[in-house]
């Protein structure tokens, strides 16, 4: 090996050594910055009471994005064309996106649910065709426990793409009971009797005030509505108590609750004719 070749090899080794050393330092700095920014994002989101799943997701996105950009920059140092590399990644991403279209739809819907928070864990909801208590909200699915103790896993796209009813969102709910009273009873007397019902029910709130409405004139009864408000967690207990108190109060006041009936009128001549014919 002649002296000129040796000098060339030493120059190349020194040049590549500097490049490799610089790349290692750059990757180390990127690693430190990525960890620091990821931690800052996580603490900021936690301070703003963000969902824990979403907080972890965003902090990881920040970390990996910095590392990927740092890696692409390091490839450029060695003369690798990063534009074509990025184009290949974009094409691969598009192919994967088309192949996992349904999965990505669930993922995007999960992000929207965690950001906009139409419901939270322990809420009672009607969503995606399922009614029950929310047990867990994940990026792809939501777990709901039905009143009869079934565990239902619902894709997030089915929930976010349909109407969501959050039954327990507000702290209070209204209970409404329909009741029919005999036509023979005075409407004023009936109203006074029904106005005593809310005071007999445990758990009824005074604000908003209970309401007694004359609803309609039915086929066999004068129809009334008893409306009271209660705490959301007491809804079904108050519902049952309201029905019971309404029935007992009407019984005590001797106001009957009619039931549908049909009067049949027979033609005497027709009956006699049928009797003789038989």
Protein backbone atom coordinates (compact mmCIF):
# COMPACT_ATOMS: atom_id res chain seq x y z
CA UNK A 1 0.00 0.00 0.00
CA UNK A 2 1.55 3.28 -1.10
CA UNK A 3 1.68 6.41 1.01
CA UNK A 4 -1.03 8.22 -0.99
CA UNK A 5 -3.55 5.42 -0.48
CA UNK A 6 -2.79 5.31 3.23
CA UNK A 7 -3.32 9.06 3.55
CA UNK A 8 -6.64 8.72 1.68
CA UNK A 9 -7.83 5.93 3.97
CA UNK A 10 -6.82 7.89 7.07
CA UNK A 11 -8.68 10.96 5.79
CA UNK A 12 -11.79 8.85 5.10
CA UNK A 13 -11.59 7.22 8.52
CA UNK A 14 -11.25 10.59 10.20
CA UNK A 15 -14.15 12.02 8.16
CA UNK A 16 -16.44 9.08 8.89
CA UNK A 17 -15.37 9.05 12.52
CA UNK A 18 -16.36 12.69 12.86
CA UNK A 19 -19.69 11.98 11.13
CA UNK A 20 -20.46 8.95 13.28
CA UNK A 21 -19.45 10.78 16.45
CA UNK A 22 -21.63 13.74 15.47
CA UNK A 23 -24.56 11.46 14.70
CA UNK A 24 -24.23 9.65 18.03
CA UNK A 25 -24.11 12.97 19.89
CA UNK A 26 -27.11 14.25 17.89
CA UNK A 27 -29.10 11.09 18.63
CA UNK A 28 -28.23 11.34 22.33
CA UNK A 29 -29.32 14.99 22.44
CA UNK A 30 -32.52 14.12 20.53
CA UNK A 31 -33.19 11.29 22.99
CA UNK A 32 -32.80 13.64 25.97
CA UNK A 33 -34.95 16.37 24.38
CA UNK A 34 -37.62 13.83 23.38
CA UNK A 35 -37.81 12.50 26.93
CA UNK A 36 -37.94 16.00 28.43
CA UNK A 37 -40.65 17.24 26.04
CA UNK A 38 -42.65 14.04 26.48
CA UNK A 39 -42.53 14.50 30.26
CA UNK A 40 -43.54 18.17 29.95
CA UNK A 41 -46.51 17.29 27.73
CA UNK A 42 -47.63 14.57 30.14
CA UNK A 43 -47.42 16.86 33.20
CA UNK A 44 -49.20 19.70 31.38
CA UNK A 45 -52.08 17.47 30.28
CA UNK A 46 -52.34 15.87 33.73
CA UNK A 47 -52.50 19.35 35.26
CA UNK A 48 -55.43 20.16 32.98
CA UNK A 49 -57.23 16.94 34.04
CA UNK A 50 -56.88 15.31 30.62
CA UNK A 51 -57.85 11.66 30.22
CA UNK A 52 -54.99 9.38 31.32
CA UNK A 53 -55.11 7.28 28.13
CA UNK A 54 -54.98 10.37 25.93
CA UNK A 55 -52.18 11.87 28.02
CA UNK A 56 -49.99 8.80 27.55
CA UNK A 57 -50.80 8.72 23.83
CA UNK A 58 -49.86 12.37 23.16
CA UNK A 59 -46.68 12.19 25.24
CA UNK A 60 -45.53 9.14 23.26
CA UNK A 61 -46.41 10.83 19.95
CA UNK A 62 -44.18 13.80 20.87
CA UNK A 63 -41.32 11.51 21.88
CA UNK A 64 -41.40 9.33 18.76
CA UNK A 65 -41.88 12.27 16.39
CA UNK A 66 -38.68 13.93 17.68
CA UNK A 67 -36.74 10.66 17.42
CA UNK A 68 -37.98 10.00 13.87
CA UNK A 69 -37.04 13.49 12.67
CA UNK A 70 -33.64 13.15 14.35
CA UNK A 71 -33.13 9.78 12.67
CA UNK A 72 -34.01 11.18 9.24
CA UNK A 73 -31.58 14.05 9.80
CA UNK A 74 -28.81 11.62 10.69
CA UNK A 75 -29.43 9.62 7.52
CA UNK A 76 -28.88 12.80 5.51
CA UNK A 77 -25.43 13.17 7.10
CA UNK A 78 -24.38 9.88 5.48
CA UNK A 79 -25.64 11.01 2.08
CA UNK A 80 -28.86 8.99 2.10
CA UNK A 81 -31.66 10.77 0.20
CA UNK A 82 -34.30 11.37 2.86
CA UNK A 83 -36.91 12.71 0.42
CA UNK A 84 -37.27 9.38 -1.34
CA UNK A 85 -37.18 7.64 2.04
CA UNK A 86 -40.02 9.87 3.27
CA UNK A 87 -41.97 9.14 0.08
CA UNK A 88 -41.61 5.40 0.69
CA UNK A 89 -42.81 5.86 4.27
CA UNK A 90 -45.79 7.91 3.06
CA UNK A 91 -46.74 5.26 0.50
CA UNK A 92 -46.41 2.53 3.11
CA UNK A 93 -48.53 4.59 5.50
CA UNK A 94 -51.23 5.00 2.85
CA UNK A 95 -51.27 1.26 2.14
CA UNK A 96 -51.51 0.45 5.84
CA UNK A 97 -54.25 3.06 6.25
CA UNK A 98 -56.35 1.50 3.49
CA UNK A 99 -55.80 -1.99 4.87
CA UNK A 100 -56.81 -0.97 8.39
CA UNK A 101 -59.50 1.55 7.51
CA UNK A 102 -62.00 0.25 10.08
CA UNK A 103 -59.38 0.06 12.82
CA UNK A 104 -58.17 3.60 12.11
CA UNK A 105 -61.78 4.79 12.17
CA UNK A 106 -62.17 3.31 15.65
CA UNK A 107 -58.88 4.91 16.68
CA UNK A 108 -59.90 8.36 15.41
CA UNK A 109 -63.29 8.03 17.11
CA UNK A 110 -61.54 7.03 20.34
CA UNK A 111 -59.42 10.18 20.20
CA UNK A 112 -62.57 12.29 19.66
CA UNK A 113 -64.35 10.61 22.58
CA UNK A 114 -61.40 11.22 24.87
CA UNK A 115 -61.02 14.85 23.76
CA UNK A 116 -64.68 15.94 23.75
CA UNK A 117 -65.70 13.61 26.62
CA UNK A 118 -69.45 13.16 25.96
CA UNK A 119 -69.32 10.66 28.82
CA UNK A 120 -66.85 9.33 31.37
CA UNK A 121 -66.28 6.11 33.27
CA UNK A 122 -69.22 5.22 35.57
CA UNK A 123 -71.73 7.25 33.51
CA UNK A 124 -74.95 5.48 32.50
CA UNK A 125 -75.36 5.92 28.74
CA UNK A 126 -77.24 4.79 25.67
CA UNK A 127 -74.59 4.73 22.94
CA UNK A 128 -73.87 2.61 19.88
CA UNK A 129 -77.10 0.69 20.41
CA UNK A 130 -76.06 -0.40 23.92
CA UNK A 131 -77.47 0.85 27.24
CA UNK A 132 -75.47 0.51 30.44
CA UNK A 133 -72.68 1.81 32.68
CA UNK A 134 -69.37 2.81 31.09
CA UNK A 135 -66.61 0.62 32.54
CA UNK A 136 -63.64 1.69 30.41
CA UNK A 137 -62.86 4.01 27.47
CA UNK A 138 -59.92 2.91 25.32
CA UNK A 139 -58.51 4.19 22.02
CA UNK A 140 -60.30 1.56 19.91
CA UNK A 141 -63.24 0.34 21.99
CA UNK A 142 -65.48 1.26 24.92
CA UNK A 143 -66.54 -1.29 27.52
CA UNK A 144 -70.14 -1.04 28.81
CA UNK A 145 -71.81 -3.12 31.53
CA UNK A 146 -75.54 -3.61 30.92
CA UNK A 147 -78.14 -3.52 33.74
CA UNK A 148 -78.41 -7.33 33.57
CA UNK A 149 -74.63 -7.60 34.16
CA UNK A 150 -73.39 -8.28 30.63
CA UNK A 151 -70.03 -6.97 29.42
CA UNK A 152 -70.34 -5.38 25.98
CA UNK A 153 -67.32 -4.17 23.96
CA UNK A 154 -68.46 -1.48 21.49
CA UNK A 155 -66.23 -0.15 18.65
CA UNK A 156 -65.65 3.57 19.15
CA UNK A 157 -66.72 4.38 15.58
CA UNK A 158 -70.17 2.90 16.33
CA UNK A 159 -70.48 5.19 19.36
CA UNK A 160 -69.12 8.44 17.93
CA UNK A 161 -71.08 8.00 14.69
CA UNK A 162 -74.45 7.68 16.46
CA UNK A 163 -76.59 9.55 18.98
CA UNK A 164 -75.20 9.44 22.53
CA UNK A 165 -77.57 9.77 25.49
CA UNK A 166 -75.80 10.38 28.80
CA UNK A 167 -78.45 9.60 31.41
CA UNK A 168 -76.31 10.53 34.43
CA UNK A 169 -74.60 13.66 33.05
CA UNK A 170 -76.68 16.09 35.13
CA UNK A 171 -76.96 15.84 38.93
CA UNK A 172 -80.80 15.84 38.90
CA UNK A 173 -83.55 14.14 36.89
CA UNK A 174 -87.30 14.50 36.57
CA UNK A 175 -89.73 11.69 37.39
CA UNK A 176 -93.09 11.78 35.59
CA UNK A 177 -96.04 9.51 36.47
CA UNK A 178 -99.24 9.37 34.39
CA UNK A 179 -102.45 8.55 36.25
CA UNK A 180 -106.09 8.40 35.16
CA UNK A 181 -108.98 9.41 37.47
CA UNK A 182 -112.74 8.76 37.16
CA UNK A 183 -114.74 11.28 35.15
CA UNK A 184 -117.06 11.58 38.13
CA UNK A 185 -114.33 13.16 40.29
CA UNK A 186 -114.03 16.95 40.50
CA UNK A 187 -110.91 18.24 38.74
CA UNK A 188 -110.27 20.77 41.51
CA UNK A 189 -110.57 18.10 44.18
CA UNK A 190 -108.33 15.76 42.20
CA UNK A 191 -105.69 18.46 41.78
CA UNK A 192 -105.68 19.21 45.52
CA UNK A 193 -105.33 15.53 46.36
CA UNK A 194 -102.49 14.98 43.87
CA UNK A 195 -100.66 18.09 45.13
CA UNK A 196 -100.20 16.31 48.47
CA UNK A 197 -98.36 13.39 46.83
CA UNK A 198 -94.83 14.91 46.46
CA UNK A 199 -94.67 15.73 50.18
CA UNK A 200 -95.08 12.02 50.99
CA UNK A 201 -92.15 10.88 48.84
CA UNK A 202 -88.65 10.54 50.26
CA UNK A 203 -85.93 11.99 48.02
CA UNK A 204 -88.05 14.58 46.18
CA UNK A 205 -86.35 17.97 45.70
CA UNK A 206 -88.14 21.24 46.46
CA UNK A 207 -86.26 23.04 43.67
CA UNK A 208 -87.36 22.62 40.93
CA UNK A 209 -90.81 22.46 42.49
CA UNK A 210 -93.11 19.45 41.89
CA UNK A 211 -95.81 19.93 39.24
CA UNK A 212 -99.31 18.51 38.77
CA UNK A 213 -100.68 18.73 35.22
CA UNK A 214 -104.08 17.97 33.73
CA UNK A 215 -102.83 16.12 30.68
CA UNK A 216 -105.86 15.10 28.64
CA UNK A 217 -109.39 13.70 28.58
CA UNK A 218 -108.98 10.03 27.82
CA UNK A 219 -111.48 7.46 26.59
CA UNK A 220 -112.33 6.28 30.10
CA UNK A 221 -110.49 8.66 32.47
CA UNK A 222 -109.29 12.18 33.11
CA UNK A 223 -105.52 11.88 32.70
CA UNK A 224 -103.09 13.66 35.04
CA UNK A 225 -99.28 13.85 35.32
CA UNK A 226 -97.36 14.00 38.59
CA UNK A 227 -93.84 15.40 38.07
CA UNK A 228 -91.13 15.57 40.73
CA UNK A 229 -87.36 16.13 40.65
CA UNK A 230 -84.73 14.07 42.44
CA UNK A 231 -81.00 13.37 42.50
CA UNK A 232 -79.91 11.30 39.52
CA UNK A 233 -78.69 8.42 41.68
CA UNK A 234 -82.11 8.26 43.40
CA UNK A 235 -84.14 8.20 40.17
CA UNK A 236 -85.52 4.66 40.21
CA UNK A 237 -86.20 4.67 43.96
CA UNK A 238 -88.13 7.94 43.67
CA UNK A 239 -89.92 6.61 40.57
CA UNK A 240 -91.24 3.63 42.53
CA UNK A 241 -92.16 5.73 45.56
CA UNK A 242 -94.05 8.21 43.38
CA UNK A 243 -96.18 5.46 41.83
CA UNK A 244 -96.91 3.95 45.25
CA UNK A 245 -97.68 7.30 46.92
CA UNK A 246 -99.98 8.36 44.05
CA UNK A 247 -102.02 5.15 44.27
CA UNK A 248 -102.31 5.25 48.08
CA UNK A 249 -103.28 8.94 48.12
CA UNK A 250 -106.04 8.42 45.53
CA UNK A 251 -107.32 5.39 47.46
CA UNK A 252 -107.44 7.39 50.70
CA UNK A 253 -109.38 10.17 48.96
CA UNK A 254 -111.70 7.53 47.43
CA UNK A 255 -110.86 8.71 43.91
CA UNK A 256 -111.05 5.74 41.58
CA UNK A 257 -108.56 4.85 38.87
CA UNK A 258 -110.73 3.47 36.05
CA UNK A 259 -109.76 0.78 33.62
CA UNK A 260 -110.86 0.51 29.98
CA UNK A 261 -114.26 -1.13 29.62
CA UNK A 262 -116.74 -1.77 26.82
CA UNK A 263 -120.54 -1.63 27.11
CA UNK A 264 -122.33 -4.18 24.93
CA UNK A 265 -125.99 -3.48 24.07
CA UNK A 266 -128.06 -6.43 22.83
CA UNK A 267 -131.11 -6.08 20.61
CA UNK A 268 -133.92 -8.03 22.37
CA UNK A 269 -135.71 -8.94 19.14
CA UNK A 270 -132.51 -10.20 17.55
CA UNK A 271 -131.74 -12.28 20.64
CA UNK A 272 -135.25 -13.81 20.62
CA UNK A 273 -134.95 -14.57 16.91
CA UNK A 274 -131.64 -16.34 17.43
CA UNK A 275 -133.08 -18.25 20.38
CA UNK A 276 -136.09 -19.48 18.41
CA UNK A 277 -133.87 -20.30 15.46
CA UNK A 278 -131.64 -22.38 17.67
